[in-house]
Protein backbone atom coordinates (compact mmCIF):
# COMPACT_ATOMS: atom_id res chain seq x y z
CA MET A 1 -5.41 -34.45 1.36
CA ASP A 2 -9.04 -35.05 0.35
CA GLU A 3 -11.88 -32.58 0.58
CA ARG A 4 -13.06 -33.81 4.00
CA ASP A 5 -9.65 -33.36 5.63
CA LEU A 6 -9.39 -29.90 4.13
CA ARG A 7 -12.73 -28.93 5.60
CA ILE A 8 -11.71 -30.25 9.05
CA ASN A 9 -8.49 -28.22 8.97
CA GLN A 10 -10.47 -25.09 8.10
CA LEU A 11 -12.82 -25.64 11.04
CA GLU A 12 -9.91 -26.19 13.43
CA GLU A 13 -8.25 -22.96 12.27
CA ARG A 14 -11.50 -21.10 12.75
CA LEU A 15 -11.95 -22.53 16.25
CA ALA A 16 -8.39 -21.54 17.21
CA ALA A 17 -9.01 -17.97 16.00
CA LEU A 18 -12.20 -17.73 18.07
CA VAL A 19 -10.44 -19.02 21.20
CA GLN A 20 -7.68 -16.45 20.75
CA ALA A 21 -10.20 -13.63 20.24
CA LEU A 22 -12.04 -14.70 23.41
CA ALA A 23 -8.80 -14.69 25.41
CA GLU A 24 -7.96 -11.21 24.16
CA ARG A 25 -11.41 -9.96 25.13
CA ASP A 26 -11.07 -11.43 28.66
CA ALA A 27 -7.68 -9.73 29.04
CA ARG A 28 -9.14 -6.42 27.93
CA ILE A 29 -12.01 -6.75 30.43
CA ALA A 30 -9.59 -7.52 33.25
CA ASP A 31 -7.47 -4.48 32.34
CA LEU A 32 -10.55 -2.21 32.40
CA GLU A 33 -11.62 -3.58 35.78
CA GLN A 34 -8.16 -2.81 37.21
CA GLN A 35 -8.36 0.77 35.91
CA LEU A 36 -11.79 1.22 37.55
CA ALA A 37 -10.47 -0.25 40.82
CA ARG A 38 -7.60 2.27 40.85
CA ARG A 39 -10.16 5.07 40.49
CA GLY A 40 -12.21 3.74 43.39
CA LYS A 41 -15.04 2.45 41.25
CA VAL A 42 -16.57 -1.00 41.17
CA TYR A 43 -17.73 -2.56 37.95
CA ARG A 44 -21.23 -4.06 38.24
CA PRO A 45 -22.37 -5.75 35.03
CA LYS A 46 -25.97 -5.10 34.07
CA PRO A 47 -28.21 -8.13 34.48
CA ASN A 48 -29.09 -9.78 31.22
CA ARG A 49 -32.62 -9.09 30.08
CA GLN A 50 -34.58 -12.26 30.54
CA ARG A 51 -35.60 -13.77 27.26
CA LYS A 52 -39.30 -14.12 26.83
CA THR A 53 -40.43 -17.66 27.24
CA ALA A 54 -43.25 -19.37 25.44
CA GLU A 55 -45.57 -18.43 28.34
CA THR A 56 -44.84 -14.69 28.14
CA ASP A 57 -44.06 -14.05 24.47
CA ARG A 58 -47.36 -13.06 22.89
CA ARG A 59 -45.86 -13.20 19.41
CA ARG A 60 -45.52 -16.96 19.50
CA LYS A 61 -48.09 -18.91 17.53
CA SER A 62 -49.15 -20.93 20.56
CA HIS A 63 -50.78 -17.84 22.06
CA ARG A 64 -52.89 -16.94 19.06
CA GLN A 65 -56.57 -17.15 19.77
CA HIS A 66 -57.60 -17.90 16.18
CA PRO A 67 -56.77 -21.06 14.23
CA GLY A 68 -54.07 -20.89 11.62
CA SER A 69 -55.05 -20.33 8.01
CA PHE A 70 -53.38 -22.19 5.19
CA ARG A 71 -53.78 -22.03 1.44
CA PRO A 72 -55.87 -25.00 0.25
CA PRO A 73 -54.25 -27.30 -2.29
CA PRO A 74 -55.08 -26.36 -5.89
CA GLU A 75 -57.92 -28.21 -7.55
CA THR A 76 -55.88 -29.31 -10.56
CA PRO A 77 -56.41 -32.61 -12.38
CA GLU A 78 -53.56 -35.00 -11.90
CA SER A 79 -52.98 -35.13 -15.65
CA GLU A 80 -52.22 -31.38 -15.70
CA ILE A 81 -49.69 -31.42 -12.86
CA GLN A 82 -46.07 -31.23 -13.98
CA ASN A 83 -43.90 -33.63 -12.00
CA HIS A 84 -40.27 -32.74 -11.28
CA ASP A 85 -38.04 -35.29 -9.53
CA VAL A 86 -35.48 -33.62 -7.28
CA ARG A 87 -32.57 -35.75 -6.02
CA PRO A 88 -29.68 -34.55 -3.84
CA GLU A 89 -26.22 -34.52 -5.33
CA ARG A 90 -24.05 -34.26 -2.22
CA CYS A 91 -24.28 -34.20 1.57
CA SER A 92 -23.52 -31.12 3.66
CA CYS A 93 -20.33 -32.83 4.78
CA GLY A 94 -19.14 -32.91 1.18
CA CYS A 95 -19.72 -36.59 0.50
CA THR A 96 -21.17 -37.44 -2.94
CA GLU A 97 -21.88 -41.13 -2.28
CA LEU A 98 -25.60 -41.12 -1.46
CA ALA A 99 -27.89 -44.14 -1.14
CA PRO A 100 -31.63 -43.63 -1.89
CA THR A 101 -34.01 -44.29 1.04
CA GLY A 102 -36.97 -45.25 -1.16
CA GLU A 103 -39.15 -42.48 0.27
CA VAL A 104 -40.75 -39.69 -1.77
CA GLU A 105 -41.67 -36.32 -0.24
CA GLU A 106 -44.12 -34.31 -2.35
CA HIS A 107 -44.32 -30.52 -2.42
CA LEU A 108 -47.14 -29.00 -4.49
CA GLN A 109 -46.53 -25.48 -5.77
CA VAL A 110 -48.70 -23.18 -7.90
CA ASP A 111 -47.17 -20.70 -10.33
CA ILE A 112 -48.25 -18.72 -13.36
CA PRO A 113 -47.19 -19.74 -16.87
CA GLU A 114 -44.77 -17.69 -18.89
CA PRO A 115 -46.88 -14.88 -20.44
CA LYS A 116 -47.05 -15.01 -24.22
CA LEU A 117 -48.86 -12.80 -26.68
CA GLU A 118 -51.50 -14.30 -28.94
CA CYS A 119 -51.69 -12.90 -32.45
CA ARG A 120 -55.01 -13.58 -34.22
CA ARG A 121 -55.77 -13.00 -37.89
CA PHE A 122 -59.47 -12.67 -38.62
CA ARG A 123 -60.09 -13.58 -42.25
CA HIS A 124 -63.45 -12.21 -43.34
CA HIS A 125 -65.30 -13.91 -46.20
CA PRO A 126 -68.07 -11.60 -47.45
CA ALA A 127 -71.16 -13.17 -48.95
CA ARG A 128 -73.94 -11.81 -51.14
CA CYS A 129 -77.55 -12.09 -50.05
CA LYS A 130 -79.58 -13.96 -52.68
CA LYS A 131 -82.72 -12.08 -51.70
CA CYS A 132 -81.64 -8.43 -51.73
CA GLY A 133 -78.16 -8.65 -53.23
CA ALA A 134 -76.44 -6.94 -50.27
CA ILE A 135 -72.90 -7.84 -49.28
CA VAL A 136 -72.85 -9.38 -45.78
CA ARG A 137 -69.74 -9.64 -43.58
CA GLY A 138 -69.44 -11.80 -40.47
CA GLN A 139 -68.22 -10.72 -37.05
CA ASP A 140 -66.24 -12.76 -34.53
CA VAL A 141 -67.09 -12.04 -30.87
CA ARG A 142 -63.36 -11.91 -30.06
CA GLU A 143 -62.66 -9.24 -32.67
CA ILE A 144 -62.79 -5.52 -31.94
CA PRO A 145 -63.44 -3.73 -35.24
CA ASN A 146 -60.68 -1.40 -36.46
CA SER A 147 -58.38 -2.21 -33.55
CA HIS A 148 -54.93 -3.78 -33.44
CA ILE A 149 -55.20 -4.48 -29.67
CA GLY A 150 -57.41 -7.33 -28.55
CA LEU A 151 -60.21 -7.57 -26.00
CA ARG A 152 -58.34 -9.00 -23.02
CA ALA A 153 -55.55 -6.44 -23.31
CA ARG A 154 -58.05 -3.58 -23.33
CA LEU A 155 -59.93 -4.97 -20.35
CA LEU A 156 -56.68 -5.42 -18.43
CA VAL A 157 -55.74 -1.78 -19.07
CA GLY A 158 -59.08 -0.70 -17.60
CA TYR A 159 -58.66 -3.04 -14.62
CA ALA A 160 -55.17 -1.77 -13.84
CA ARG A 161 -56.18 1.88 -14.11
CA ALA A 162 -59.58 1.81 -12.41
CA HIS A 163 -59.19 -0.90 -9.78
CA LEU A 164 -55.47 -1.19 -9.09
CA GLY A 165 -55.26 2.60 -9.21
CA ILE A 166 -51.94 2.78 -11.05
CA SER A 167 -51.15 5.50 -13.55
CA LEU A 168 -51.27 5.08 -17.31
CA GLU A 169 -47.47 5.08 -17.49
CA LYS A 170 -47.29 2.24 -14.98
CA THR A 171 -50.10 0.44 -16.79
CA CYS A 172 -48.16 0.57 -20.05
CA ASP A 173 -45.03 -0.61 -18.25
CA LEU A 174 -47.01 -3.49 -16.71
CA MET A 175 -48.20 -4.64 -20.12
CA GLN A 176 -44.68 -4.46 -21.52
CA GLN A 177 -43.01 -6.25 -18.58
CA LEU A 178 -45.55 -9.06 -18.30
CA PHE A 179 -46.55 -9.67 -21.89
CA GLY A 180 -44.10 -7.77 -24.06
CA LEU A 181 -46.96 -5.65 -25.41
CA ASN A 182 -45.85 -2.12 -26.17
CA LEU A 183 -48.56 0.47 -25.52
CA SER A 184 -48.32 4.23 -25.63
CA ARG A 185 -50.05 6.45 -23.12
CA ALA A 186 -52.29 7.79 -25.87
CA GLY A 187 -53.21 4.23 -26.84
CA ALA A 188 -54.03 3.35 -23.23
CA LEU A 189 -56.26 6.42 -23.04
CA GLY A 190 -58.14 5.18 -26.08
CA HIS A 191 -58.65 1.79 -24.42
CA LEU A 192 -60.04 3.51 -21.31
CA LYS A 193 -62.48 5.51 -23.42
CA TRP A 194 -63.56 2.28 -25.13
CA GLY A 195 -64.05 0.58 -21.75
CA SER A 196 -66.06 3.55 -20.51
CA ARG A 197 -68.49 3.28 -23.44
CA LEU A 198 -68.76 -0.49 -22.91
CA CYS A 199 -69.57 -0.16 -19.20
CA ALA A 200 -71.84 2.90 -19.39
CA PRO A 201 -75.20 1.08 -19.92
CA VAL A 202 -74.30 -1.51 -17.28
CA VAL A 203 -73.52 1.18 -14.67
CA ALA A 204 -76.82 2.92 -15.49
CA ARG A 205 -78.59 -0.38 -14.84
CA PHE A 206 -76.70 -0.74 -11.54
CA LEU A 207 -77.98 2.65 -10.44
CA GLU A 208 -81.56 1.75 -11.29
CA LEU A 209 -81.28 -1.42 -9.21
CA LEU A 210 -79.80 0.53 -6.29
CA LYS A 211 -82.78 2.91 -6.36
CA GLN A 212 -85.03 -0.11 -5.83
CA ALA A 213 -82.90 -1.67 -3.07
CA PRO A 214 -84.29 -1.82 0.48
CA VAL A 215 -80.98 -0.56 1.95
CA LEU A 216 -78.47 1.75 0.28
CA HIS A 217 -75.10 2.90 1.59
CA ALA A 218 -73.56 6.20 0.48
CA ASP A 219 -70.20 7.82 1.12
CA GLU A 220 -67.90 10.38 -0.51
CA THR A 221 -64.24 11.30 -0.54
CA GLY A 222 -61.98 13.82 -2.21
CA TRP A 223 -60.62 13.43 -5.74
CA ARG A 224 -58.75 15.59 -8.24
CA ILE A 225 -59.13 16.37 -11.93
CA ASN A 226 -56.12 18.16 -13.41
CA GLY A 227 -55.19 19.48 -9.96
CA LYS A 228 -58.70 20.73 -9.15
CA ASN A 229 -60.41 19.30 -6.08
CA VAL A 230 -63.57 17.36 -6.87
CA TRP A 231 -65.50 14.56 -5.12
CA ALA A 232 -65.84 10.83 -5.63
CA TRP A 233 -69.20 9.39 -4.52
CA CYS A 234 -70.06 5.78 -3.82
CA PHE A 235 -73.53 4.21 -3.69
CA CYS A 236 -73.59 0.54 -2.82
CA ASN A 237 -75.20 -2.46 -1.18
CA PRO A 238 -73.83 -5.98 -0.61
CA LYS A 239 -74.23 -6.86 -4.33
CA LEU A 240 -73.75 -3.58 -6.20
CA ALA A 241 -71.40 -0.60 -6.22
CA VAL A 242 -71.63 2.57 -8.30
CA PHE A 243 -68.95 5.27 -8.25
CA LEU A 244 -69.52 8.82 -9.50
CA ILE A 245 -67.01 11.66 -9.74
CA ASP A 246 -68.50 15.16 -9.62
CA GLU A 247 -67.14 18.62 -8.97
CA HIS A 248 -69.83 19.19 -6.34
CA ARG A 249 -70.35 17.76 -2.86
CA SER A 250 -73.88 19.10 -2.58
CA SER A 251 -77.31 17.51 -2.47
CA GLU A 252 -77.62 18.09 -6.22
CA VAL A 253 -75.44 15.04 -6.81
CA LEU A 254 -77.87 12.94 -4.77
CA ARG A 255 -80.84 14.30 -6.70
CA GLN A 256 -79.25 13.45 -10.03
CA ALA A 257 -78.18 9.97 -8.89
CA LEU A 258 -81.12 8.86 -6.73
CA GLY A 259 -83.90 11.37 -7.38
CA GLU A 260 -85.87 13.43 -4.89
CA THR A 261 -86.99 10.47 -2.80
CA PHE A 262 -85.72 7.01 -1.94
CA ALA A 263 -88.09 4.23 -0.93
CA GLY A 264 -85.55 2.27 1.09
CA THR A 265 -83.26 3.14 3.97
CA LEU A 266 -80.19 5.29 3.31
CA VAL A 267 -77.16 4.53 5.51
CA THR A 268 -74.74 7.47 5.68
CA ASP A 269 -72.57 9.55 7.96
CA PHE A 270 -73.71 12.91 9.37
CA TYR A 271 -72.84 14.99 6.29
CA ALA A 272 -75.54 17.62 5.75
CA ALA A 273 -76.01 16.97 2.02
CA TYR A 274 -77.88 13.75 2.81
CA ASN A 275 -80.52 15.68 4.77
CA PHE A 276 -82.24 16.88 1.61
CA LEU A 277 -83.08 13.37 0.33
CA LYS A 278 -86.53 12.27 1.45
CA ALA A 279 -85.89 8.78 2.76
CA LYS A 280 -85.67 6.78 5.92
CA LYS A 281 -82.08 7.10 7.17
CA GLN A 282 -79.64 5.38 9.45
CA ARG A 283 -76.69 7.50 10.56
CA CYS A 284 -73.42 5.69 11.08
CA LEU A 285 -72.92 5.06 14.80
CA THR A 286 -69.24 4.30 14.25
CA HIS A 287 -68.67 7.92 13.22
CA LEU A 288 -70.51 9.14 16.28
CA LEU A 289 -68.72 6.82 18.71
CA ARG A 290 -65.36 7.73 17.21
CA GLU A 291 -66.05 11.43 17.68
CA LEU A 292 -67.23 10.87 21.24
CA HIS A 293 -64.07 8.93 22.05
CA GLU A 294 -61.82 11.64 20.59
CA LEU A 295 -63.77 14.32 22.44
CA SER A 296 -63.44 12.44 25.73
CA GLU A 297 -59.66 12.95 25.54
CA GLN A 298 -60.01 16.72 25.11
CA ILE A 299 -62.57 17.88 27.66
CA LYS A 300 -62.60 17.74 31.45
CA PRO A 301 -63.13 14.33 33.08
CA ILE A 302 -66.26 15.48 34.89
CA PHE A 303 -68.03 16.08 31.57
CA VAL A 304 -66.85 12.74 30.25
CA THR A 305 -68.21 10.92 33.30
CA ASN A 306 -71.56 12.68 33.34
CA HIS A 307 -72.28 12.91 29.61
CA LEU A 308 -70.01 11.16 27.13
CA ASP A 309 -69.53 7.82 28.92
CA PRO A 310 -73.29 7.24 29.45
CA LEU A 311 -73.99 8.24 25.86
CA MET A 312 -71.38 5.86 24.46
CA ALA A 313 -72.68 3.06 26.69
CA ILE A 314 -76.24 3.52 25.36
CA LEU A 315 -75.11 3.42 21.72
CA GLN A 316 -72.90 0.38 22.32
CA ASP A 317 -75.77 -1.40 24.07
CA ALA A 318 -77.97 -0.70 21.06
CA ILE A 319 -75.41 -2.21 18.68
CA ALA A 320 -75.01 -5.25 20.97
CA LEU A 321 -78.78 -5.68 21.13
CA ALA A 322 -79.00 -5.83 17.33
CA THR A 323 -76.43 -8.64 17.27
CA ARG A 324 -78.48 -10.62 19.81
CA ARG A 325 -81.78 -10.22 17.96
CA ALA A 326 -81.98 -13.91 17.00
CA GLU A 327 -81.36 -15.03 20.60
CA LEU A 328 -84.30 -13.07 22.05
CA THR A 329 -88.02 -13.48 21.70
CA PRO A 330 -89.87 -10.64 19.94
CA ARG A 331 -91.24 -9.45 23.28
CA GLN A 332 -87.84 -9.46 24.98
CA PHE A 333 -86.25 -7.61 22.07
CA LYS A 334 -89.03 -5.00 22.05
CA LEU A 335 -88.69 -4.36 25.80
CA GLN A 336 -84.92 -3.86 25.57
CA ARG A 337 -85.27 -1.69 22.48
CA ASN A 338 -87.80 0.54 24.22
CA LEU A 339 -85.49 0.77 27.23
CA ILE A 340 -82.65 2.00 25.02
CA HIS A 341 -84.94 4.65 23.49
CA VAL A 342 -85.93 5.84 26.97
CA GLN A 343 -82.32 5.97 28.16
CA LEU A 344 -81.23 7.92 25.08
CA ASP A 345 -84.05 10.45 25.40
CA ARG A 346 -83.29 10.93 29.07
CA GLN A 347 -79.57 11.39 28.45
CA ILE A 348 -79.87 14.03 25.71
CA GLN A 349 -82.13 16.11 27.96
CA CYS A 350 -79.28 16.63 30.41
CA ARG A 351 -77.82 20.12 30.57
CA SER A 352 -74.11 20.87 30.47
CA THR A 353 -71.91 23.93 30.67
CA CYS A 354 -69.44 22.38 28.17
CA ALA A 355 -69.91 23.77 24.66
CA ASP A 356 -68.67 20.54 23.01
CA VAL A 357 -71.15 18.42 24.96
CA ARG A 358 -74.00 20.77 24.02
CA ARG A 359 -72.94 20.52 20.36
CA ILE A 360 -73.07 16.72 20.51
CA TYR A 361 -76.48 16.79 22.18
CA GLN A 362 -77.81 19.18 19.54
CA ARG A 363 -76.65 16.87 16.77
CA ILE A 364 -78.29 13.86 18.40
CA VAL A 365 -81.56 15.80 18.88
CA ARG A 366 -81.43 16.87 15.21
CA HIS A 367 -80.93 13.27 14.03
CA ARG A 368 -82.82 11.55 16.84
CA GLY A 369 -85.06 9.57 14.47
CA GLU A 370 -82.09 8.42 12.38
CA LEU A 371 -79.87 6.85 15.04
CA LEU A 372 -81.71 3.65 15.98
CA THR A 373 -83.41 2.72 12.71
CA PHE A 374 -81.44 -0.54 12.68
CA LEU A 375 -83.35 -1.70 15.75
CA ASP A 376 -86.63 -1.48 13.81
CA ASP A 377 -85.40 -3.11 10.56
CA PRO A 378 -83.12 -6.18 10.73
CA GLN A 379 -81.84 -5.48 7.19
CA VAL A 380 -80.41 -2.11 8.21
CA PRO A 381 -76.91 -2.10 9.78
CA ALA A 382 -75.89 0.29 12.54
CA THR A 383 -72.81 1.51 10.67
CA ASN A 384 -71.77 2.59 7.20
CA ASN A 385 -68.83 0.20 7.13
CA LEU A 386 -69.92 -1.24 3.78
CA GLY A 387 -69.76 2.14 2.06
CA GLU A 388 -66.44 2.99 3.69
CA ARG A 389 -64.90 -0.30 2.56
CA ASP A 390 -66.00 0.25 -1.03
CA ILE A 391 -64.67 3.80 -1.23
CA ARG A 392 -61.42 3.05 0.61
CA SER A 393 -59.72 1.88 -2.58
CA VAL A 394 -60.59 5.22 -4.21
CA ALA A 395 -58.90 7.06 -1.36
CA ALA A 396 -55.88 4.76 -1.67
CA ALA A 397 -55.62 5.46 -5.41
CA ARG A 398 -55.81 9.19 -4.70
CA SER A 399 -52.98 8.93 -2.20
CA ASP A 400 -50.86 7.07 -4.76
CA GLY A 401 -51.34 9.86 -7.28
CA GLY A 402 -53.71 7.89 -9.49
CA VAL A 403 -56.07 10.83 -10.11
CA ASN A 404 -57.31 12.09 -13.48
CA ARG A 405 -56.35 14.87 -15.85
CA THR A 406 -59.64 15.15 -17.73
CA ALA A 407 -63.32 14.96 -16.84
CA TRP A 408 -63.98 12.14 -19.30
CA GLY A 409 -61.03 10.21 -17.80
CA ALA A 410 -62.62 10.53 -14.35
CA THR A 411 -65.92 9.27 -15.78
CA ALA A 412 -64.16 6.29 -17.36
CA PHE A 413 -62.39 5.55 -14.07
CA ALA A 414 -65.69 5.59 -12.14
CA ARG A 415 -67.60 3.45 -14.65
CA ILE A 416 -64.98 0.72 -14.97
CA LYS A 417 -64.41 0.66 -11.21
CA SER A 418 -68.15 0.27 -10.65
CA VAL A 419 -68.19 -2.84 -12.82
CA VAL A 420 -64.99 -4.27 -11.30
CA ARG A 421 -66.19 -3.80 -7.73
CA THR A 422 -69.60 -5.30 -8.52
CA CYS A 423 -67.91 -8.31 -10.10
CA GLN A 424 -65.86 -8.78 -6.93
CA LYS A 425 -68.95 -8.67 -4.73
CA ASN A 426 -70.59 -11.39 -6.79
CA GLY A 427 -67.55 -13.64 -7.16
CA ARG A 428 -67.10 -12.91 -10.86
CA ARG A 429 -63.82 -12.34 -12.71
CA PHE A 430 -63.83 -8.98 -14.43
CA LEU A 431 -62.03 -10.26 -17.54
CA ASP A 432 -64.55 -13.08 -18.00
CA TYR A 433 -67.51 -10.77 -17.54
CA GLY A 434 -65.98 -8.17 -19.84
CA ARG A 435 -65.77 -10.71 -22.66
CA GLN A 436 -69.43 -11.67 -22.13
CA LEU A 437 -70.44 -8.03 -22.07
CA PHE A 438 -68.56 -7.23 -25.27
CA ALA A 439 -69.97 -10.28 -27.07
CA ALA A 440 -73.53 -9.30 -26.14
CA SER A 441 -73.05 -5.68 -27.17
CA LEU A 442 -71.47 -6.74 -30.48
CA VAL A 443 -74.49 -8.76 -31.65
CA GLY A 444 -77.12 -6.50 -30.08
CA GLN A 445 -78.26 -8.91 -27.36
CA PRO A 446 -79.44 -7.77 -23.88
CA LEU A 447 -76.41 -6.92 -21.78
CA PRO A 448 -75.75 -9.42 -18.95
CA LEU A 449 -75.23 -8.25 -15.38
CA PRO A 450 -72.45 -9.69 -13.17
CA LEU A 451 -74.87 -10.54 -10.38
CA ALA A 452 -74.70 -13.92 -8.70
CA ASP A 453 -78.45 -14.56 -8.96
CA THR A 454 -78.68 -13.58 -12.63
CA GLY A 455 -75.62 -15.40 -13.94
């Protein structure tokens, strides 16, 4: 008996077993129906739930409103592509006699190479100056003096700790698993301190540029140093991001970071510490609308109808008007903007017996000049979404337990993260920029910035 006959016999035995099991199930069902009939009950099978068809199943791809997104093919020269010919050895029926069809189906796949450590020996050849007689030694831009760990490994430790938000133990494990590089926690701490010193002048330059920016976003979230609650601050715009970790959440942090005044527009939430900075402000309308929506589910419907719904409609109309600025003439936009101002002033003058509604009205009166700044300046957004997106990764790292044990460790975390996030905003790879930064600092050249317009 050959292999094919053996397979057929197995299938026949399986089919016979299934038929017997089905007959036994039918007999059991009939027996149960007879028992119910003797008790005076009638068995009524439940109707089968109708399977969703392509017209009703919203999970099917045909009902998606957006086009599908696919990874583009890699831009790899043909000479660098490794070709692997794959030919079948047998058919699913077990037959091994296969005739080629002459067709070739190509499947392009991208993978990473097997990681391998590079060990470099820098052989220094001192020379004597013929003019003054001094001994001169050269310096390679890839060499870190007095260090047995190279530049890319140190930068990767800082990237994993500051941006990925993983602990030092996990960072050391990552280096060992991927590259076979054994690092101790104390060694990783030294690499972080080195990265902090490398990034310090660049972060200071970032902060100076943010002070000169026309629009600046600011946000803060909780952090911990050795179990003590502190605060992580973020100051950013579309091209820059600076993170600071301070034990205070007061206006003193703003004074130290930005000064007493700010020439541009500051986009923030309604936290009171921002009130002390002398600057034109735009309060985040998303925060306000979210609070109004949550409040509408807690108070009586009559107050929602008379106060909260009209207020939310005015704010939403203002945001919609800003998105249609390019479609309107300057005169049309000005008329609609003035109408929104009139509607808002009229609404906040309404009186209410609800304490929560009065509290909301008092806040809007207090920040009346800071709610619709975005209608006067096209560069100013209506929300602080940019600041919230930048600081979200800090909150995620805090939730994963990636906080700090020392104050200098928190400073290193903030500095390296500032550089990593700025590189991301400008389409730069942190490891590439880190090598340029180290090379410039080694020979005393002006430090480059990872900004798209400055190279």
